[in-house]
Each structure stands twice: as structure tokens, then as C-alpha cells.
Amino acid sequence: MKAAIGVRDHSGWAALIVVAGPIDGPRVLIRRRISLNEPPLPRQPYHAAEGLDIARAAAIVARVEASAGALAAAALREAVHEAAALGADVCGLAVGGAIGAVPGDLGRILASHALLHGAEGELYRRVLVAAAAEDLGLTVTRFLQRDLYDVLGARLGASADGAKTRVANFGKLLGPPWTSDEKEATAGAWLALARPDT
């Protein structure tokens, strides 16, 4: 049984969902919240680095990224193994968020409040993508959150509203919590499952 993971990241944590089965009627196998931050490291490293000299700022960001990368790899590996024990072969990972919107220049990021937020989001998405693609060999699907249900609907031969309703219906079977984070992670996982190359 083919499966895919969807994540909805936040600063320091993410909602993780694994869906498996046929494209027209998959089921949720796993749902959980995973930690991507290990205290006392800051959850928002770019905010913590604001006002510091570039060398110290870069060191903070690097420490948080390394730690988040290890946590992401462990969480994804655990989800893949748990899915395998349930008879599912995880082939892909879906991660939402802006793609390529953050410059690589740390000084420029630290000088812009908007870029601080963007860089933090991208840091957590980057470690999830690296853990999936490099550590586990999964096919990665990136999507813009605002387009998620349009793209999923098109893959399923349904409207965006139809796709949204189908994702919402999983919550009736699973019970709470079924927040927008779980829904988006589920829609992303379903999108990754529907890729012809996964």
C-alpha cells in the first residue's frame, strides 16, 4: 500500500499526517505533532539573532538548523517505520509554504522583520525536505498553501471546495483535534500520494 507524509510546519514544531491507500479513497494512518526544536535553543533563531554581529547570528541559526534537522530526520524516520509496520510504503513528503522567497544573505534577513519570519519558516521547511529527500530518499512535493486545494482538486478531478470537503471529512472519522494544521498536512500528503512518480 502506497503512502505519503504531509507536514504543516510552525516555528519549532509541525503537524504530521501519513495517508495511505488508493488515490480516490486513502485513509489517515498516522497523525501527530512533532517537535523541531530542542530547548534551550530558540524556536525563532533569526529573531534571537537580531541585533547581534553576523558571526554570532550565523552561529545561532546554524545550531538551531542542525538540531531541527536531527529532530526532523528522527520524526520522519519514525513515521516511515510505523507506516511500514501498518503495511504501508511511504514514498513521498509534502511541505507547503513560499518557495524561494527568502534571500541567502543573513545581513539582509536580519535587517527586515518580514524576512525574519520568512527565513524561520523556510529553515524548518528546509530541514524537513532535506531529511525526507537526503536521509530517506522520499520524493518531495512543495506547494503554495494558497493553491493547495485547487491543485489537489485538479489531481482528484474535483473542485477546490470538493477537495476541501473530502479532507474535512477525515476529521469526522478521526475525531478532534482536526485543525487547519491537520487538514493542510492531510491535503499535502494526499497531493504527494497522487503524484504519478511516487
C-alpha atoms as a PDB file:
ATOM      1  CA  MET A   1       0.000   0.000   0.000  1.00  0.00           C
ATOM      2  CA  LYS A   2       1.498   3.332  -1.096  1.00  0.00           C
ATOM      3  CA  ALA A   3       1.647   6.155   1.456  1.00  0.00           C
ATOM      4  CA  ALA A   4       2.826   9.754   1.771  1.00  0.00           C
ATOM      5  CA  ILE A   5       3.581  12.166   4.599  1.00  0.00           C
ATOM      6  CA  GLY A   6       2.266  15.704   4.815  1.00  0.00           C
ATOM      7  CA  VAL A   7       3.574  18.289   7.261  1.00  0.00           C
ATOM      8  CA  ARG A   8       2.364  21.722   8.275  1.00  0.00           C
ATOM      9  CA  ASP A   9       5.282  23.427   9.947  1.00  0.00           C
ATOM     10  CA  HIS A  10       5.418  26.215  12.506  1.00  0.00           C
ATOM     11  CA  SER A  11       8.341  27.696  14.405  1.00  0.00           C
ATOM     12  CA  GLY A  12       9.729  24.689  16.231  1.00  0.00           C
ATOM     13  CA  TRP A  13       7.018  22.113  15.551  1.00  0.00           C
ATOM     14  CA  ALA A  14       4.854  20.615  12.823  1.00  0.00           C
ATOM     15  CA  ALA A  15       1.645  18.678  12.349  1.00  0.00           C
ATOM     16  CA  LEU A  16       2.458  15.381  10.631  1.00  0.00           C
ATOM     17  CA  ILE A  17      -0.041  13.189   8.793  1.00  0.00           C
ATOM     18  CA  VAL A  18       0.509   9.942   6.887  1.00  0.00           C
ATOM     19  CA  VAL A  19      -2.137   8.933   4.343  1.00  0.00           C
ATOM     20  CA  ALA A  20      -2.163   5.610   2.529  1.00  0.00           C
ATOM     21  CA  GLY A  21      -4.207   3.659   0.046  1.00  0.00           C
ATOM     22  CA  PRO A  22      -5.816   4.352  -3.290  1.00  0.00           C
ATOM     23  CA  ILE A  23      -5.817   7.924  -4.596  1.00  0.00           C
ATOM     24  CA  ASP A  24      -9.604   8.082  -4.751  1.00  0.00           C
ATOM     25  CA  GLY A  25     -10.061   6.899  -1.159  1.00  0.00           C
ATOM     26  CA  PRO A  26      -6.983   6.981   1.068  1.00  0.00           C
ATOM     27  CA  ARG A  27      -7.102   6.804   4.836  1.00  0.00           C
ATOM     28  CA  VAL A  28      -5.147   8.557   7.543  1.00  0.00           C
ATOM     29  CA  LEU A  29      -2.725   6.108   9.136  1.00  0.00           C
ATOM     30  CA  ILE A  30      -0.780   8.408  11.442  1.00  0.00           C
ATOM     31  CA  ARG A  31      -1.319  11.869  12.869  1.00  0.00           C
ATOM     32  CA  ARG A  32       0.831  13.585  15.412  1.00  0.00           C
ATOM     33  CA  ARG A  33       2.598  16.753  16.381  1.00  0.00           C
ATOM     34  CA  ILE A  34       6.374  16.581  16.014  1.00  0.00           C
ATOM     35  CA  SER A  35       8.947  18.761  17.717  1.00  0.00           C
ATOM     36  CA  LEU A  36      11.548  20.520  15.589  1.00  0.00           C
ATOM     37  CA  ASN A  37      13.124  22.452  18.454  1.00  0.00           C
ATOM     38  CA  GLU A  38      15.153  21.409  21.446  1.00  0.00           C
ATOM     39  CA  PRO A  39      15.203  23.899  24.337  1.00  0.00           C
ATOM     40  CA  PRO A  40      17.117  25.922  25.320  1.00  0.00           C
ATOM     41  CA  LEU A  41      17.675  26.672  21.631  1.00  0.00           C
ATOM     42  CA  PRO A  42      15.368  29.447  20.417  1.00  0.00           C
ATOM     43  CA  ARG A  43      12.353  28.426  18.300  1.00  0.00           C
ATOM     44  CA  GLN A  44      12.818  31.630  16.300  1.00  0.00           C
ATOM     45  CA  PRO A  45      16.564  31.754  15.649  1.00  0.00           C
ATOM     46  CA  TYR A  46      16.531  34.733  13.299  1.00  0.00           C
ATOM     47  CA  HIS A  47      14.613  36.791  15.852  1.00  0.00           C
ATOM     48  CA  ALA A  48      17.079  35.653  18.537  1.00  0.00           C
ATOM     49  CA  ALA A  49      19.974  36.690  16.278  1.00  0.00           C
ATOM     50  CA  GLU A  50      18.558  40.146  15.531  1.00  0.00           C
ATOM     51  CA  GLY A  51      20.963  42.865  16.671  1.00  0.00           C
ATOM     52  CA  LEU A  52      23.965  40.509  17.017  1.00  0.00           C
ATOM     53  CA  ASP A  53      27.077  40.648  14.878  1.00  0.00           C
ATOM     54  CA  ILE A  54      26.910  38.442  11.783  1.00  0.00           C
ATOM     55  CA  ALA A  55      29.238  35.731  13.124  1.00  0.00           C
ATOM     56  CA  ARG A  56      27.229  35.237  16.334  1.00  0.00           C
ATOM     57  CA  ALA A  57      23.942  35.445  14.414  1.00  0.00           C
ATOM     58  CA  ALA A  58      25.127  32.811  11.932  1.00  0.00           C
ATOM     59  CA  ALA A  59      26.212  30.534  14.788  1.00  0.00           C
ATOM     60  CA  ILE A  60      22.754  30.696  16.412  1.00  0.00           C
ATOM     61  CA  VAL A  61      20.982  29.958  13.145  1.00  0.00           C
ATOM     62  CA  ALA A  62      23.370  27.084  12.370  1.00  0.00           C
ATOM     63  CA  ARG A  63      22.875  25.476  15.805  1.00  0.00           C
ATOM     64  CA  VAL A  64      19.090  25.656  15.523  1.00  0.00           C
ATOM     65  CA  GLU A  65      19.144  24.327  11.961  1.00  0.00           C
ATOM     66  CA  ALA A  66      21.394  21.388  12.881  1.00  0.00           C
ATOM     67  CA  SER A  67      19.214  20.473  15.855  1.00  0.00           C
ATOM     68  CA  ALA A  68      15.995  20.858  13.860  1.00  0.00           C
ATOM     69  CA  GLY A  69      17.469  18.712  11.102  1.00  0.00           C
ATOM     70  CA  ALA A  70      18.239  15.875  13.512  1.00  0.00           C
ATOM     71  CA  LEU A  71      14.757  16.086  15.054  1.00  0.00           C
ATOM     72  CA  ALA A  72      13.087  16.182  11.619  1.00  0.00           C
ATOM     73  CA  ALA A  73      15.047  13.156  10.425  1.00  0.00           C
ATOM     74  CA  ALA A  74      14.165  11.178  13.564  1.00  0.00           C
ATOM     75  CA  ALA A  75      10.455  12.083  13.366  1.00  0.00           C
ATOM     76  CA  LEU A  76      10.167  11.254   9.664  1.00  0.00           C
ATOM     77  CA  ARG A  77      12.097   8.010  10.095  1.00  0.00           C
ATOM     78  CA  GLU A  78       9.760   7.019  12.934  1.00  0.00           C
ATOM     79  CA  ALA A  79       6.688   7.794  10.796  1.00  0.00           C
ATOM     80  CA  VAL A  80       8.079   5.756   7.875  1.00  0.00           C
ATOM     81  CA  HIS A  81       8.806   2.770  10.158  1.00  0.00           C
ATOM     82  CA  GLU A  82       5.409   2.993  11.849  1.00  0.00           C
ATOM     83  CA  ALA A  83       3.688   3.150   8.458  1.00  0.00           C
ATOM     84  CA  ALA A  84       5.681   0.125   7.286  1.00  0.00           C
ATOM     85  CA  ALA A  85       4.526  -1.810  10.352  1.00  0.00           C
ATOM     86  CA  LEU A  86       0.956  -0.996   9.240  1.00  0.00           C
ATOM     87  CA  GLY A  87       1.652  -2.333   5.747  1.00  0.00           C
ATOM     88  CA  ALA A  88       2.315   0.987   4.008  1.00  0.00           C
ATOM     89  CA  ASP A  89       5.312   2.068   1.952  1.00  0.00           C
ATOM     90  CA  VAL A  90       5.938   5.809   2.346  1.00  0.00           C
ATOM     91  CA  CYS A  91       7.109   7.218  -0.987  1.00  0.00           C
ATOM     92  CA  GLY A  92       6.824  10.973  -0.571  1.00  0.00           C
ATOM     93  CA  LEU A  93       6.613  14.031   1.627  1.00  0.00           C
ATOM     94  CA  ALA A  94       4.612  17.209   1.039  1.00  0.00           C
ATOM     95  CA  VAL A  95       5.600  20.562   2.527  1.00  0.00           C
ATOM     96  CA  GLY A  96       3.741  23.826   1.994  1.00  0.00           C
ATOM     97  CA  GLY A  97       4.947  27.374   2.135  1.00  0.00           C
ATOM     98  CA  ALA A  98       6.542  30.027  -0.003  1.00  0.00           C
ATOM     99  CA  ILE A  99       9.250  28.682  -2.261  1.00  0.00           C
ATOM    100  CA  GLY A 100      12.481  30.607  -2.772  1.00  0.00           C
ATOM    101  CA  ALA A 101      11.160  33.831  -1.226  1.00  0.00           C
ATOM    102  CA  VAL A 102      13.988  34.274   1.284  1.00  0.00           C
ATOM    103  CA  PRO A 103      17.395  35.646   0.242  1.00  0.00           C
ATOM    104  CA  GLY A 104      20.555  33.844   1.284  1.00  0.00           C
ATOM    105  CA  ASP A 105      22.158  36.981   2.749  1.00  0.00           C
ATOM    106  CA  LEU A 106      21.912  36.794   6.559  1.00  0.00           C
ATOM    107  CA  GLY A 107      22.555  40.525   6.999  1.00  0.00           C
ATOM    108  CA  ARG A 108      19.661  41.327   4.696  1.00  0.00           C
ATOM    109  CA  ILE A 109      17.368  38.919   6.548  1.00  0.00           C
ATOM    110  CA  LEU A 110      18.255  40.411   9.939  1.00  0.00           C
ATOM    111  CA  ALA A 111      17.516  43.913   8.657  1.00  0.00           C
ATOM    112  CA  SER A 112      13.918  43.074   7.676  1.00  0.00           C
ATOM    113  CA  HIS A 113      11.191  41.972  10.096  1.00  0.00           C
ATOM    114  CA  ALA A 114       9.225  40.352   7.264  1.00  0.00           C
ATOM    115  CA  LEU A 115      12.285  38.398   6.148  1.00  0.00           C
ATOM    116  CA  LEU A 116      12.923  37.222   9.730  1.00  0.00           C
ATOM    117  CA  HIS A 117       9.558  35.444   9.718  1.00  0.00           C
ATOM    118  CA  GLY A 118      10.036  34.105   6.202  1.00  0.00           C
ATOM    119  CA  ALA A 119      13.515  32.798   6.976  1.00  0.00           C
ATOM    120  CA  GLU A 120      12.334  30.994  10.103  1.00  0.00           C
ATOM    121  CA  GLY A 121       9.556  29.258   8.218  1.00  0.00           C
ATOM    122  CA  GLU A 122      11.925  28.312   5.426  1.00  0.00           C
ATOM    123  CA  LEU A 123      14.516  26.970   7.901  1.00  0.00           C
ATOM    124  CA  TYR A 124      12.032  24.419   9.265  1.00  0.00           C
ATOM    125  CA  ARG A 125      10.753  23.518   5.801  1.00  0.00           C
ATOM    126  CA  ARG A 126      14.328  23.150   4.549  1.00  0.00           C
ATOM    127  CA  VAL A 127      15.277  20.657   7.282  1.00  0.00           C
ATOM    128  CA  LEU A 128      12.110  18.628   6.653  1.00  0.00           C
ATOM    129  CA  VAL A 129      12.834  18.496   2.921  1.00  0.00           C
ATOM    130  CA  ALA A 130      16.480  17.543   3.496  1.00  0.00           C
ATOM    131  CA  ALA A 131      15.552  14.810   5.980  1.00  0.00           C
ATOM    132  CA  ALA A 132      12.968  13.389   3.571  1.00  0.00           C
ATOM    133  CA  ALA A 133      14.963  13.590   0.345  1.00  0.00           C
ATOM    134  CA  GLU A 134      18.522  13.030   1.550  1.00  0.00           C
ATOM    135  CA  ASP A 135      18.078  10.773   4.584  1.00  0.00           C
ATOM    136  CA  LEU A 136      15.050   8.736   3.481  1.00  0.00           C
ATOM    137  CA  GLY A 137      15.039   9.024  -0.314  1.00  0.00           C
ATOM    138  CA  LEU A 138      11.452  10.286  -0.444  1.00  0.00           C
ATOM    139  CA  THR A 139      10.058  12.285  -3.357  1.00  0.00           C
ATOM    140  CA  VAL A 140       9.320  15.810  -2.101  1.00  0.00           C
ATOM    141  CA  THR A 141       6.284  17.815  -3.185  1.00  0.00           C
ATOM    142  CA  ARG A 142       6.424  21.548  -2.443  1.00  0.00           C
ATOM    143  CA  PHE A 143       3.255  23.588  -2.775  1.00  0.00           C
ATOM    144  CA  LEU A 144       1.991  27.084  -2.095  1.00  0.00           C
ATOM    145  CA  GLN A 145      -0.525  26.939   0.742  1.00  0.00           C
ATOM    146  CA  ARG A 146      -2.924  29.278  -1.036  1.00  0.00           C
ATOM    147  CA  ASP A 147      -3.065  26.892  -4.032  1.00  0.00           C
ATOM    148  CA  LEU A 148      -3.239  23.599  -2.121  1.00  0.00           C
ATOM    149  CA  TYR A 149      -6.922  22.768  -2.548  1.00  0.00           C
ATOM    150  CA  ASP A 150      -7.002  23.965  -6.158  1.00  0.00           C
ATOM    151  CA  VAL A 151      -4.089  21.675  -7.049  1.00  0.00           C
ATOM    152  CA  LEU A 152      -5.419  18.742  -5.002  1.00  0.00           C
ATOM    153  CA  GLY A 153      -8.876  19.160  -6.521  1.00  0.00           C
ATOM    154  CA  ALA A 154      -7.407  19.138 -10.030  1.00  0.00           C
ATOM    155  CA  ARG A 155      -5.476  15.924  -9.265  1.00  0.00           C
ATOM    156  CA  LEU A 156      -8.637  14.293  -7.912  1.00  0.00           C
ATOM    157  CA  GLY A 157     -10.892  15.536 -10.695  1.00  0.00           C
ATOM    158  CA  ALA A 158     -12.804  17.695  -8.226  1.00  0.00           C
ATOM    159  CA  SER A 159     -13.210  21.366  -7.381  1.00  0.00           C
ATOM    160  CA  ALA A 160     -11.151  23.066  -4.680  1.00  0.00           C
ATOM    161  CA  ASP A 161     -14.252  23.084  -2.451  1.00  0.00           C
ATOM    162  CA  GLY A 162     -14.799  19.395  -3.159  1.00  0.00           C
ATOM    163  CA  ALA A 163     -11.215  18.600  -2.149  1.00  0.00           C
ATOM    164  CA  LYS A 164     -11.561  20.723   0.990  1.00  0.00           C
ATOM    165  CA  THR A 165     -14.762  18.900   1.971  1.00  0.00           C
ATOM    166  CA  ARG A 166     -13.161  15.494   1.448  1.00  0.00           C
ATOM    167  CA  VAL A 167     -10.221  16.478   3.667  1.00  0.00           C
ATOM    168  CA  ALA A 168     -12.578  17.864   6.318  1.00  0.00           C
ATOM    169  CA  ASN A 169     -14.475  14.553   6.320  1.00  0.00           C
ATOM    170  CA  PHE A 170     -11.409  12.696   7.597  1.00  0.00           C
ATOM    171  CA  GLY A 171     -11.884  14.591  10.842  1.00  0.00           C
ATOM    172  CA  LYS A 172     -15.357  13.090  11.304  1.00  0.00           C
ATOM    173  CA  LEU A 173     -13.806   9.626  11.331  1.00  0.00           C
ATOM    174  CA  LEU A 174     -10.754  10.517  13.391  1.00  0.00           C
ATOM    175  CA  GLY A 175     -12.252  12.946  15.885  1.00  0.00           C
ATOM    176  CA  PRO A 176     -10.548  16.017  17.319  1.00  0.00           C
ATOM    177  CA  PRO A 177      -8.160  17.621  17.027  1.00  0.00           C
ATOM    178  CA  TRP A 178      -8.800  18.284  13.336  1.00  0.00           C
ATOM    179  CA  THR A 179      -7.483  21.813  12.984  1.00  0.00           C
ATOM    180  CA  SER A 180      -6.387  23.638   9.862  1.00  0.00           C
ATOM    181  CA  ASP A 181      -2.864  22.276  10.507  1.00  0.00           C
ATOM    182  CA  GLU A 182      -4.014  18.647  10.352  1.00  0.00           C
ATOM    183  CA  LYS A 183      -6.213  19.387   7.350  1.00  0.00           C
ATOM    184  CA  GLU A 184      -3.410  21.077   5.433  1.00  0.00           C
ATOM    185  CA  ALA A 185      -0.950  18.286   6.272  1.00  0.00           C
ATOM    186  CA  THR A 186      -3.530  15.741   5.099  1.00  0.00           C
ATOM    187  CA  ALA A 187      -4.233  17.597   1.862  1.00  0.00           C
ATOM    188  CA  GLY A 188      -0.499  17.859   1.233  1.00  0.00           C
ATOM    189  CA  ALA A 189       0.039  14.151   1.911  1.00  0.00           C
ATOM    190  CA  TRP A 190      -2.835  13.308  -0.426  1.00  0.00           C
ATOM    191  CA  LEU A 191      -1.294  15.546  -3.084  1.00  0.00           C
ATOM    192  CA  ALA A 192       2.039  13.738  -2.710  1.00  0.00           C
ATOM    193  CA  LEU A 193       0.267  10.371  -2.851  1.00  0.00           C
ATOM    194  CA  ALA A 194      -1.433  11.428  -6.105  1.00  0.00           C
ATOM    195  CA  ARG A 195       1.866  12.229  -7.849  1.00  0.00           C
ATOM    196  CA  PRO A 196       2.450   9.795 -10.681  1.00  0.00           C
ATOM    197  CA  ASP A 197       6.153   9.485  -9.791  1.00  0.00           C
ATOM    198  CA  THR A 198       5.745   8.478  -6.120  1.00  0.00           C
END
